[in-house]
N, C-alpha and C. Protein backbone atom coordinates (compact mmCIF):
# COMPACT_ATOMS: atom_id res chain seq x y z
N MET A 1 133.33 186.46 120.69
CA MET A 1 133.79 185.25 121.39
C MET A 1 134.69 185.66 122.55
N PRO A 2 134.45 185.19 123.77
CA PRO A 2 135.25 185.59 124.93
C PRO A 2 136.69 185.13 124.78
N ASN A 3 137.60 185.91 125.39
CA ASN A 3 139.01 185.55 125.33
C ASN A 3 139.23 184.19 126.00
N GLY A 4 140.06 183.37 125.36
CA GLY A 4 140.38 182.05 125.91
C GLY A 4 139.39 180.96 125.57
N TYR A 5 138.28 181.30 124.96
CA TYR A 5 137.28 180.28 124.66
C TYR A 5 137.73 179.36 123.53
N TRP A 6 138.22 179.96 122.46
CA TRP A 6 138.60 179.17 121.28
C TRP A 6 139.75 178.20 121.55
N PRO A 7 140.83 178.69 122.20
CA PRO A 7 141.91 177.75 122.49
C PRO A 7 141.44 176.59 123.36
N THR A 8 140.59 176.88 124.34
CA THR A 8 140.09 175.82 125.21
C THR A 8 139.25 174.82 124.43
N PHE A 9 138.40 175.34 123.54
CA PHE A 9 137.56 174.47 122.71
C PHE A 9 138.40 173.60 121.78
N LYS A 10 139.41 174.23 121.16
CA LYS A 10 140.27 173.50 120.23
C LYS A 10 141.03 172.39 120.94
N TYR A 11 141.53 172.71 122.13
CA TYR A 11 142.28 171.73 122.90
C TYR A 11 141.38 170.56 123.31
N SER A 12 140.18 170.84 123.73
CA SER A 12 139.23 169.80 124.14
C SER A 12 138.86 168.91 122.97
N ALA A 13 138.68 169.52 121.79
CA ALA A 13 138.32 168.75 120.59
C ALA A 13 139.43 167.79 120.21
N LEU A 14 140.67 168.26 120.27
CA LEU A 14 141.81 167.41 119.92
C LEU A 14 141.92 166.22 120.88
N ILE A 15 141.71 166.51 122.19
CA ILE A 15 141.74 165.43 123.17
C ILE A 15 140.67 164.39 122.87
N GLY A 16 139.49 164.87 122.47
CA GLY A 16 138.38 163.96 122.16
C GLY A 16 138.70 163.07 120.97
N ILE A 17 139.29 163.67 119.92
CA ILE A 17 139.66 162.90 118.72
C ILE A 17 140.69 161.85 119.06
N PHE A 18 141.70 162.26 119.85
CA PHE A 18 142.77 161.34 120.24
C PHE A 18 142.22 160.15 121.01
N MET A 19 141.31 160.45 121.97
CA MET A 19 140.74 159.40 122.80
C MET A 19 139.88 158.45 121.97
N THR A 20 139.15 159.02 121.01
CA THR A 20 138.30 158.18 120.14
C THR A 20 139.14 157.23 119.32
N ARG A 21 140.24 157.76 118.73
CA ARG A 21 141.12 156.91 117.92
C ARG A 21 141.79 155.84 118.77
N THR A 22 142.17 156.19 119.99
CA THR A 22 142.82 155.24 120.88
C THR A 22 141.88 154.10 121.24
N ILE A 23 140.64 154.46 121.58
CA ILE A 23 139.65 153.44 121.93
C ILE A 23 139.35 152.55 120.74
N SER A 24 139.20 153.17 119.54
CA SER A 24 138.92 152.41 118.33
C SER A 24 140.04 151.45 118.01
N SER A 25 141.29 151.95 118.17
CA SER A 25 142.45 151.11 117.90
C SER A 25 142.53 149.96 118.87
N ALA A 26 142.22 150.22 120.13
CA ALA A 26 142.27 149.18 121.15
C ALA A 26 141.24 148.10 120.89
N ARG A 27 140.08 148.51 120.36
CA ARG A 27 139.02 147.55 120.09
C ARG A 27 139.36 146.65 118.90
N THR A 28 140.14 147.15 117.92
CA THR A 28 140.41 146.39 116.71
C THR A 28 141.72 145.64 116.75
N SER A 29 142.59 145.90 117.69
CA SER A 29 143.86 145.19 117.75
C SER A 29 143.66 143.80 118.35
N ALA A 30 144.47 142.79 117.83
CA ALA A 30 144.34 141.43 118.31
C ALA A 30 145.21 141.22 119.53
N PRO A 31 144.72 140.48 120.51
CA PRO A 31 145.53 140.19 121.71
C PRO A 31 146.70 139.29 121.36
N ALA A 32 147.70 139.28 122.22
CA ALA A 32 148.91 138.48 121.98
C ALA A 32 148.58 137.00 121.85
N SER A 33 147.58 136.54 122.59
CA SER A 33 147.23 135.11 122.54
C SER A 33 146.76 134.69 121.15
N THR A 34 146.13 135.63 120.43
CA THR A 34 145.68 135.32 119.07
C THR A 34 146.86 135.03 118.16
N PHE A 35 147.90 135.86 118.25
CA PHE A 35 149.08 135.67 117.41
C PHE A 35 149.84 134.41 117.80
N LEU A 36 149.86 134.09 119.09
CA LEU A 36 150.52 132.86 119.53
C LEU A 36 149.82 131.64 118.93
N ALA A 37 148.48 131.65 118.98
CA ALA A 37 147.70 130.54 118.42
C ALA A 37 147.89 130.47 116.91
N LEU A 38 147.94 131.63 116.26
CA LEU A 38 148.13 131.69 114.81
C LEU A 38 149.47 131.10 114.41
N LYS A 39 150.53 131.49 115.12
CA LYS A 39 151.87 130.99 114.82
C LYS A 39 151.95 129.49 115.03
N LYS A 40 151.34 129.01 116.11
CA LYS A 40 151.36 127.58 116.41
C LYS A 40 150.67 126.78 115.31
N GLU A 41 149.52 127.26 114.88
CA GLU A 41 148.78 126.55 113.83
C GLU A 41 149.52 126.59 112.51
N TYR A 42 150.11 127.74 112.18
CA TYR A 42 150.84 127.88 110.92
C TYR A 42 152.06 126.96 110.88
N LEU A 43 152.82 126.92 111.98
CA LEU A 43 154.01 126.08 112.04
C LEU A 43 153.65 124.59 111.97
N ALA A 44 152.54 124.22 112.60
CA ALA A 44 152.09 122.82 112.55
C ALA A 44 151.70 122.44 111.12
N ALA A 45 150.99 123.36 110.44
CA ALA A 45 150.59 123.10 109.04
C ALA A 45 151.81 123.01 108.14
N ASP A 46 152.82 123.83 108.41
CA ASP A 46 154.03 123.80 107.60
C ASP A 46 154.77 122.48 107.78
N THR A 47 154.80 121.98 109.01
CA THR A 47 155.43 120.69 109.27
C THR A 47 154.69 119.56 108.56
N GLN A 48 153.35 119.63 108.61
CA GLN A 48 152.55 118.62 107.92
C GLN A 48 152.73 118.69 106.41
N ARG A 49 152.86 119.91 105.90
CA ARG A 49 153.07 120.09 104.47
C ARG A 49 154.38 119.45 104.03
N GLU A 50 155.42 119.63 104.84
CA GLU A 50 156.71 119.01 104.53
C GLU A 50 156.59 117.48 104.57
N SER A 51 155.77 116.97 105.48
CA SER A 51 155.56 115.52 105.56
C SER A 51 154.90 115.00 104.29
N VAL A 52 153.94 115.77 103.77
CA VAL A 52 153.26 115.38 102.53
C VAL A 52 154.24 115.37 101.37
N ILE A 53 155.09 116.39 101.29
CA ILE A 53 156.08 116.47 100.21
C ILE A 53 157.04 115.29 100.28
N LEU A 54 157.51 114.96 101.48
CA LEU A 54 158.44 113.85 101.66
C LEU A 54 157.80 112.52 101.29
N GLN A 55 156.55 112.33 101.73
CA GLN A 55 155.86 111.08 101.41
C GLN A 55 155.55 111.00 99.92
N GLY A 56 155.27 112.14 99.32
CA GLY A 56 155.04 112.17 97.87
C GLY A 56 156.26 111.71 97.11
N ARG A 57 157.44 112.08 97.59
CA ARG A 57 158.68 111.63 96.94
C ARG A 57 158.85 110.13 97.07
N ARG A 58 158.42 109.58 98.20
CA ARG A 58 158.49 108.12 98.38
C ARG A 58 157.57 107.42 97.39
N VAL A 59 156.39 107.99 97.18
CA VAL A 59 155.45 107.41 96.22
C VAL A 59 156.03 107.45 94.81
N ILE A 60 156.63 108.57 94.45
CA ILE A 60 157.22 108.71 93.12
C ILE A 60 158.36 107.71 92.92
N SER A 61 159.20 107.55 93.93
CA SER A 61 160.32 106.60 93.84
C SER A 61 159.81 105.16 93.69
N ALA A 62 158.80 104.81 94.48
CA ALA A 62 158.22 103.46 94.38
C ALA A 62 157.56 103.25 93.02
N SER A 63 156.93 104.30 92.50
CA SER A 63 156.27 104.22 91.19
C SER A 63 157.30 103.96 90.09
N LYS A 64 158.41 104.66 90.16
CA LYS A 64 159.46 104.49 89.14
C LYS A 64 160.06 103.09 89.20
N ARG A 65 160.16 102.52 90.38
CA ARG A 65 160.67 101.15 90.49
C ARG A 65 159.70 100.16 89.85
N VAL A 66 158.39 100.38 90.07
CA VAL A 66 157.39 99.50 89.45
C VAL A 66 157.46 99.61 87.93
N ILE A 67 157.56 100.82 87.41
CA ILE A 67 157.63 101.03 85.96
C ILE A 67 158.88 100.37 85.39
N ARG A 68 160.00 100.55 86.07
CA ARG A 68 161.26 99.97 85.61
C ARG A 68 161.18 98.44 85.57
N ASP A 69 160.55 97.85 86.59
CA ASP A 69 160.43 96.40 86.62
C ASP A 69 159.50 95.90 85.52
N CYS A 70 158.41 96.62 85.29
CA CYS A 70 157.47 96.23 84.23
C CYS A 70 158.13 96.26 82.86
N LEU A 71 158.89 97.29 82.59
CA LEU A 71 159.57 97.41 81.30
C LEU A 71 160.70 96.40 81.16
N GLY A 72 161.27 95.99 82.30
CA GLY A 72 162.35 95.02 82.26
C GLY A 72 161.89 93.58 82.34
N GLY A 73 160.57 93.36 82.36
CA GLY A 73 160.04 92.01 82.39
C GLY A 73 160.14 91.34 83.75
N ARG A 74 160.30 92.14 84.80
CA ARG A 74 160.41 91.59 86.15
C ARG A 74 159.10 91.77 86.92
N GLN A 75 158.97 91.02 88.00
CA GLN A 75 157.79 91.12 88.85
C GLN A 75 157.82 92.44 89.63
N ALA A 76 156.80 93.26 89.47
CA ALA A 76 156.76 94.57 90.12
C ALA A 76 156.23 94.43 91.55
N ASN A 77 156.79 95.22 92.45
CA ASN A 77 156.37 95.21 93.86
C ASN A 77 155.29 96.28 94.06
N LEU A 78 154.05 95.92 93.78
CA LEU A 78 152.94 96.86 93.93
C LEU A 78 152.58 97.10 95.39
N GLY A 79 152.89 96.14 96.25
CA GLY A 79 152.54 96.28 97.66
C GLY A 79 153.22 97.48 98.29
N GLU A 80 154.49 97.67 98.01
CA GLU A 80 155.23 98.82 98.55
C GLU A 80 154.64 100.13 98.06
N LEU A 81 154.31 100.16 96.76
CA LEU A 81 153.75 101.37 96.16
C LEU A 81 152.38 101.70 96.76
N GLU A 82 151.52 100.72 96.86
CA GLU A 82 150.18 100.95 97.38
C GLU A 82 150.22 101.40 98.84
N SER A 83 151.13 100.82 99.61
CA SER A 83 151.28 101.21 101.01
C SER A 83 151.74 102.66 101.12
N ALA A 84 152.69 103.05 100.27
CA ALA A 84 153.20 104.42 100.30
C ALA A 84 152.12 105.42 99.91
N PHE A 85 151.30 105.06 98.93
CA PHE A 85 150.25 105.97 98.48
C PHE A 85 149.14 106.11 99.51
N LYS A 86 148.80 105.02 100.18
CA LYS A 86 147.79 105.10 101.23
C LYS A 86 148.25 106.01 102.36
N CYS A 87 149.53 105.93 102.68
CA CYS A 87 150.09 106.81 103.71
C CYS A 87 149.99 108.27 103.28
N LEU A 88 150.25 108.52 102.00
CA LEU A 88 150.14 109.88 101.46
C LEU A 88 148.70 110.37 101.53
N GLN A 89 147.76 109.52 101.20
CA GLN A 89 146.35 109.90 101.25
C GLN A 89 145.93 110.27 102.67
N LYS A 90 146.41 109.52 103.65
CA LYS A 90 146.07 109.82 105.04
C LYS A 90 146.64 111.17 105.46
N LEU A 91 147.86 111.45 105.04
CA LEU A 91 148.48 112.74 105.38
C LEU A 91 147.71 113.89 104.76
N VAL A 92 147.34 113.75 103.50
CA VAL A 92 146.61 114.81 102.80
C VAL A 92 145.23 114.99 103.41
N GLY A 93 144.58 113.87 103.75
CA GLY A 93 143.25 113.95 104.35
C GLY A 93 143.25 114.61 105.72
N SER A 94 144.31 114.38 106.49
CA SER A 94 144.37 114.95 107.84
C SER A 94 144.78 116.41 107.85
N THR A 95 145.47 116.85 106.80
CA THR A 95 145.95 118.23 106.77
C THR A 95 145.05 119.15 105.98
N GLY A 96 144.27 118.58 105.05
CA GLY A 96 143.45 119.42 104.20
C GLY A 96 144.28 120.19 103.18
N ILE A 97 145.49 119.72 102.92
CA ILE A 97 146.36 120.38 101.95
C ILE A 97 145.77 120.20 100.56
N PRO A 98 145.75 121.22 99.73
CA PRO A 98 145.12 121.15 98.41
C PRO A 98 145.80 120.17 97.46
N GLN A 99 145.09 119.80 96.42
CA GLN A 99 145.53 118.80 95.46
C GLN A 99 146.93 119.02 94.89
N PRO A 100 147.31 120.24 94.50
CA PRO A 100 148.63 120.42 93.87
C PRO A 100 149.79 119.93 94.71
N SER A 101 149.61 119.82 96.02
CA SER A 101 150.69 119.40 96.89
C SER A 101 151.06 117.93 96.70
N TYR A 102 150.17 117.13 96.16
CA TYR A 102 150.50 115.71 95.98
C TYR A 102 150.12 115.18 94.60
N ARG A 103 149.68 116.06 93.71
CA ARG A 103 149.22 115.59 92.40
C ARG A 103 150.30 114.89 91.59
N ALA A 104 151.54 115.38 91.66
CA ALA A 104 152.63 114.74 90.92
C ALA A 104 152.79 113.29 91.37
N ALA A 105 152.69 113.07 92.68
CA ALA A 105 152.81 111.71 93.21
C ALA A 105 151.61 110.86 92.80
N ALA A 106 150.42 111.45 92.83
CA ALA A 106 149.20 110.70 92.51
C ALA A 106 149.20 110.25 91.05
N GLN A 107 149.61 111.13 90.14
CA GLN A 107 149.59 110.75 88.73
C GLN A 107 150.69 109.73 88.42
N GLU A 108 151.82 109.82 89.13
CA GLU A 108 152.88 108.84 88.95
C GLU A 108 152.43 107.48 89.46
N TYR A 109 151.70 107.50 90.56
CA TYR A 109 151.15 106.27 91.13
C TYR A 109 150.18 105.62 90.15
N CYS A 110 149.29 106.42 89.59
CA CYS A 110 148.32 105.90 88.62
C CYS A 110 149.04 105.29 87.41
N GLU A 111 150.02 106.00 86.91
CA GLU A 111 150.77 105.52 85.74
C GLU A 111 151.40 104.15 86.02
N ALA A 112 152.02 104.00 87.19
CA ALA A 112 152.68 102.74 87.53
C ALA A 112 151.67 101.60 87.67
N VAL A 113 150.55 101.87 88.34
CA VAL A 113 149.52 100.84 88.51
C VAL A 113 148.92 100.45 87.16
N PHE A 114 148.71 101.44 86.31
CA PHE A 114 148.18 101.16 84.97
C PHE A 114 149.11 100.26 84.17
N LEU A 115 150.41 100.59 84.20
CA LEU A 115 151.37 99.81 83.42
C LEU A 115 151.46 98.38 83.93
N ALA A 116 151.44 98.21 85.26
CA ALA A 116 151.49 96.87 85.84
C ALA A 116 150.26 96.06 85.42
N ALA A 117 149.11 96.71 85.39
CA ALA A 117 147.89 96.02 84.98
C ALA A 117 147.95 95.67 83.49
N TYR A 118 148.44 96.59 82.68
CA TYR A 118 148.47 96.38 81.23
C TYR A 118 149.39 95.22 80.85
N VAL A 119 150.60 95.20 81.39
CA VAL A 119 151.55 94.15 81.00
C VAL A 119 151.11 92.78 81.51
N SER A 120 150.27 92.75 82.54
CA SER A 120 149.78 91.47 83.05
C SER A 120 148.44 91.08 82.43
N GLY A 121 147.94 91.90 81.50
CA GLY A 121 146.71 91.59 80.80
C GLY A 121 145.44 91.85 81.58
N LYS A 122 145.54 92.68 82.61
CA LYS A 122 144.37 93.00 83.42
C LYS A 122 143.75 94.33 83.00
N ALA A 123 142.48 94.51 83.36
CA ALA A 123 141.80 95.78 83.07
C ALA A 123 142.35 96.87 83.99
N LEU A 124 142.37 98.10 83.50
CA LEU A 124 142.85 99.21 84.32
C LEU A 124 141.83 99.51 85.42
N PRO A 125 142.27 99.68 86.65
CA PRO A 125 141.34 100.01 87.75
C PRO A 125 140.81 101.43 87.60
N GLY A 126 139.59 101.66 88.05
CA GLY A 126 138.98 102.98 87.98
C GLY A 126 139.55 103.93 89.02
N HIS A 127 139.26 105.22 88.86
CA HIS A 127 139.85 106.20 89.77
C HIS A 127 139.30 106.08 91.20
N LYS A 128 138.07 105.60 91.33
CA LYS A 128 137.51 105.43 92.68
C LYS A 128 138.17 104.26 93.40
N ILE A 129 138.52 103.24 92.66
CA ILE A 129 139.21 102.10 93.26
C ILE A 129 140.59 102.52 93.74
N LEU A 130 141.26 103.35 92.94
CA LEU A 130 142.59 103.82 93.31
C LEU A 130 142.54 104.91 94.37
N GLY A 131 141.39 105.53 94.54
CA GLY A 131 141.27 106.62 95.51
C GLY A 131 141.85 107.92 95.02
N CYS A 132 141.88 108.11 93.70
CA CYS A 132 142.45 109.32 93.11
C CYS A 132 141.34 110.22 92.57
N ASP A 133 141.65 111.51 92.48
CA ASP A 133 140.73 112.43 91.83
C ASP A 133 140.80 112.23 90.32
N ALA A 134 139.80 112.71 89.61
CA ALA A 134 139.70 112.48 88.17
C ALA A 134 140.89 113.06 87.40
N GLU A 135 141.35 114.25 87.80
CA GLU A 135 142.44 114.88 87.04
C GLU A 135 143.75 114.11 87.19
N SER A 136 144.06 113.67 88.40
CA SER A 136 145.28 112.88 88.59
C SER A 136 145.21 111.58 87.80
N TYR A 137 144.04 110.99 87.76
CA TYR A 137 143.83 109.75 87.00
C TYR A 137 144.08 109.98 85.52
N ILE A 138 143.53 111.07 84.99
CA ILE A 138 143.70 111.38 83.56
C ILE A 138 145.15 111.68 83.24
N LEU A 139 145.83 112.43 84.12
CA LEU A 139 147.24 112.74 83.89
C LEU A 139 148.09 111.47 83.88
N GLY A 140 147.79 110.55 84.80
CA GLY A 140 148.50 109.28 84.83
C GLY A 140 148.21 108.44 83.60
N LEU A 141 146.98 108.48 83.13
CA LEU A 141 146.59 107.73 81.93
C LEU A 141 147.31 108.27 80.70
N CYS A 142 147.45 109.58 80.62
CA CYS A 142 148.17 110.18 79.49
C CYS A 142 149.65 109.81 79.54
N ASP A 143 150.24 109.84 80.74
CA ASP A 143 151.65 109.47 80.89
C ASP A 143 151.89 108.00 80.56
N LEU A 144 150.88 107.18 80.75
CA LEU A 144 150.99 105.75 80.46
C LEU A 144 151.36 105.51 79.00
N SER A 145 150.93 106.40 78.12
CA SER A 145 151.16 106.25 76.69
C SER A 145 152.64 106.05 76.37
N GLY A 146 153.49 106.89 76.94
CA GLY A 146 154.92 106.79 76.66
C GLY A 146 155.52 105.48 77.16
N GLU A 147 155.06 105.00 78.32
CA GLU A 147 155.59 103.74 78.87
C GLU A 147 155.13 102.55 78.03
N ILE A 148 153.90 102.59 77.56
CA ILE A 148 153.41 101.49 76.72
C ILE A 148 154.16 101.48 75.38
N PHE A 149 154.46 102.65 74.86
CA PHE A 149 155.24 102.71 73.62
C PHE A 149 156.62 102.08 73.84
N ARG A 150 157.27 102.40 74.96
CA ARG A 150 158.58 101.80 75.23
C ARG A 150 158.48 100.29 75.41
N TYR A 151 157.40 99.87 76.08
CA TYR A 151 157.17 98.43 76.27
C TYR A 151 156.99 97.73 74.92
N ALA A 152 156.25 98.36 74.03
CA ALA A 152 156.01 97.79 72.70
C ALA A 152 157.28 97.74 71.87
N VAL A 153 158.10 98.80 71.96
CA VAL A 153 159.36 98.83 71.22
C VAL A 153 160.30 97.74 71.71
N ASN A 154 160.38 97.57 73.04
CA ASN A 154 161.22 96.51 73.60
C ASN A 154 160.80 95.14 73.08
N SER A 155 159.49 94.92 73.00
CA SER A 155 158.98 93.65 72.50
C SER A 155 159.28 93.49 71.02
N ALA A 156 159.16 94.59 70.25
CA ALA A 156 159.44 94.53 68.82
C ALA A 156 160.92 94.22 68.57
N LEU A 157 161.79 94.79 69.37
CA LEU A 157 163.22 94.52 69.23
C LEU A 157 163.55 93.06 69.53
N ALA A 158 162.69 92.46 70.37
CA ALA A 158 162.87 91.04 70.68
C ALA A 158 162.18 90.15 69.65
N GLY A 159 161.57 90.78 68.63
CA GLY A 159 160.96 90.04 67.55
C GLY A 159 159.46 89.84 67.64
N ASP A 160 158.82 90.43 68.64
CA ASP A 160 157.38 90.27 68.82
C ASP A 160 156.67 91.59 68.50
N PHE A 161 156.11 91.70 67.29
CA PHE A 161 155.41 92.91 66.89
C PHE A 161 153.93 92.89 67.26
N THR A 162 153.44 91.75 67.73
CA THR A 162 152.03 91.68 68.13
C THR A 162 151.77 92.58 69.33
N VAL A 163 152.78 92.76 70.18
CA VAL A 163 152.62 93.63 71.34
C VAL A 163 152.36 95.06 70.90
N MET A 164 153.07 95.51 69.87
CA MET A 164 152.86 96.87 69.38
C MET A 164 151.50 97.01 68.72
N GLU A 165 151.05 95.99 68.05
CA GLU A 165 149.73 96.05 67.43
C GLU A 165 148.64 96.18 68.48
N ARG A 166 148.77 95.41 69.56
CA ARG A 166 147.78 95.50 70.65
C ARG A 166 147.89 96.86 71.36
N ALA A 167 149.11 97.33 71.52
CA ALA A 167 149.31 98.62 72.18
C ALA A 167 148.70 99.75 71.35
N ARG A 168 148.83 99.63 70.03
CA ARG A 168 148.24 100.65 69.14
C ARG A 168 146.72 100.70 69.28
N LEU A 169 146.10 99.56 69.37
CA LEU A 169 144.64 99.51 69.54
C LEU A 169 144.23 100.08 70.90
N PHE A 170 144.97 99.71 71.93
CA PHE A 170 144.64 100.16 73.28
C PHE A 170 144.78 101.69 73.40
N LEU A 171 145.90 102.22 72.95
CA LEU A 171 146.10 103.66 73.05
C LEU A 171 145.14 104.44 72.16
N GLY A 172 144.76 103.82 71.04
CA GLY A 172 143.76 104.46 70.18
C GLY A 172 142.42 104.60 70.91
N GLN A 173 142.06 103.59 71.68
CA GLN A 173 140.82 103.66 72.45
C GLN A 173 140.92 104.72 73.55
N VAL A 174 142.06 104.76 74.23
CA VAL A 174 142.27 105.76 75.28
C VAL A 174 142.17 107.17 74.69
N TYR A 175 142.81 107.35 73.55
CA TYR A 175 142.80 108.67 72.89
C TYR A 175 141.38 109.08 72.52
N ASP A 176 140.63 108.16 71.97
CA ASP A 176 139.25 108.47 71.55
C ASP A 176 138.38 108.84 72.75
N GLU A 177 138.55 108.12 73.86
CA GLU A 177 137.75 108.41 75.05
C GLU A 177 138.10 109.78 75.64
N LEU A 178 139.39 110.06 75.75
CA LEU A 178 139.81 111.33 76.35
C LEU A 178 139.53 112.52 75.45
N SER A 179 139.42 112.27 74.15
CA SER A 179 139.17 113.37 73.22
C SER A 179 137.80 114.01 73.43
N GLU A 180 136.93 113.33 74.16
CA GLU A 180 135.59 113.86 74.42
C GLU A 180 135.56 114.81 75.61
N LEU A 181 136.69 114.95 76.30
CA LEU A 181 136.76 115.81 77.48
C LEU A 181 137.38 117.17 77.14
N PRO A 182 136.93 118.24 77.78
CA PRO A 182 137.51 119.57 77.54
C PRO A 182 138.81 119.75 78.34
N LEU A 183 139.84 119.03 77.94
CA LEU A 183 141.09 119.04 78.69
C LEU A 183 141.81 120.37 78.53
N ARG A 184 142.46 120.79 79.61
CA ARG A 184 143.19 122.06 79.60
C ARG A 184 144.53 121.91 80.31
N GLY A 185 145.42 122.83 80.08
CA GLY A 185 146.69 122.89 80.80
C GLY A 185 147.52 121.64 80.61
N ASP A 186 148.02 121.11 81.74
CA ASP A 186 148.88 119.93 81.72
C ASP A 186 148.19 118.74 81.07
N ALA A 187 146.92 118.56 81.38
CA ALA A 187 146.18 117.42 80.84
C ALA A 187 146.11 117.49 79.32
N ARG A 188 145.91 118.69 78.80
CA ARG A 188 145.83 118.85 77.34
C ARG A 188 147.19 118.57 76.69
N ARG A 189 148.24 119.07 77.30
CA ARG A 189 149.58 118.86 76.75
C ARG A 189 149.94 117.37 76.74
N LYS A 190 149.64 116.68 77.84
CA LYS A 190 149.94 115.25 77.91
C LYS A 190 149.06 114.45 76.97
N PHE A 191 147.82 114.89 76.82
CA PHE A 191 146.91 114.21 75.90
C PHE A 191 147.43 114.29 74.46
N ASP A 192 147.95 115.45 74.08
CA ASP A 192 148.52 115.59 72.74
C ASP A 192 149.71 114.65 72.54
N GLY A 193 150.39 114.32 73.64
CA GLY A 193 151.52 113.39 73.55
C GLY A 193 151.08 111.98 73.15
N ILE A 194 149.83 111.60 73.48
CA ILE A 194 149.33 110.29 73.08
C ILE A 194 149.29 110.19 71.56
N LYS A 195 148.84 111.24 70.91
CA LYS A 195 148.78 111.26 69.45
C LYS A 195 150.17 111.09 68.85
N TYR A 196 151.14 111.70 69.47
CA TYR A 196 152.52 111.58 69.00
C TYR A 196 153.00 110.13 69.11
N ASP A 197 152.67 109.46 70.23
CA ASP A 197 153.05 108.06 70.40
C ASP A 197 152.31 107.17 69.40
N LEU A 198 151.07 107.48 69.12
CA LEU A 198 150.31 106.71 68.12
C LEU A 198 150.95 106.82 66.74
N ASN A 199 151.37 108.02 66.40
CA ASN A 199 152.02 108.21 65.10
C ASN A 199 153.32 107.42 65.00
N LYS A 200 154.07 107.39 66.08
CA LYS A 200 155.32 106.63 66.08
C LYS A 200 155.05 105.14 65.94
N MET A 201 154.00 104.66 66.59
CA MET A 201 153.63 103.25 66.45
C MET A 201 153.22 102.93 65.02
N ASP A 202 152.46 103.83 64.42
CA ASP A 202 152.05 103.63 63.04
C ASP A 202 153.26 103.53 62.12
N ASP A 203 154.25 104.37 62.35
CA ASP A 203 155.47 104.33 61.54
C ASP A 203 156.18 102.99 61.68
N HIS A 204 156.29 102.50 62.92
CA HIS A 204 156.94 101.21 63.15
C HIS A 204 156.19 100.07 62.46
N LEU A 205 154.87 100.09 62.58
CA LEU A 205 154.07 99.01 62.00
C LEU A 205 154.07 99.07 60.48
N LEU A 206 154.06 100.27 59.92
CA LEU A 206 154.10 100.40 58.47
C LEU A 206 155.44 99.92 57.91
N ARG A 207 156.52 100.26 58.57
CA ARG A 207 157.84 99.80 58.13
C ARG A 207 157.93 98.28 58.22
N ARG A 208 157.30 97.73 59.25
CA ARG A 208 157.29 96.28 59.42
C ARG A 208 156.56 95.60 58.28
N LYS A 209 155.42 96.15 57.90
CA LYS A 209 154.63 95.54 56.82
C LYS A 209 155.29 95.72 55.47
N SER A 210 156.00 96.81 55.27
CA SER A 210 156.61 97.07 53.98
C SER A 210 157.97 96.39 53.81
N SER A 211 158.49 95.84 54.88
CA SER A 211 159.81 95.19 54.81
C SER A 211 159.70 93.71 54.38
């Protein structure tokens, strides 16, 4: 091998490798405009997400007022609740935010609407009428059990045990229907709570009959 050939070859090879890596890196790196657009979109989504959370809190607050009025024998303001929930639905629909971001509000909304319908002797509206997904509807239906038990106890304390008898039949039907579903997680835990409320009602009614 002639003198000076190897060093020259080695140097040329290194330059070639460096240039190849530089070109490859330049081709795969994102331009600054891409990151600017990314940041803008992310910040906008974060703002919308906060709006959904805030509106969800409004729905929960309105739901609790409806439940409190129903248990207290007062006229519930469903109009405020329905308006708040529709606003929440619009926010979720426009942002594409996943279900968990508003599910707590949706199930609380369902529970309040269910209780208002029950105490007024009306049939419970379906999930499509309410505009809720099936899981939120089921979670709200399971939560309804505890409120109906409290409603029945309040009536029993006032001397009317027929309310508890009707509540026992109603919750028994709800339990039987939901028992056919493969419930998991939160839904399963809340579903088991219905059985607990049924047992408590049975105890109250048995003590009533034996007294």
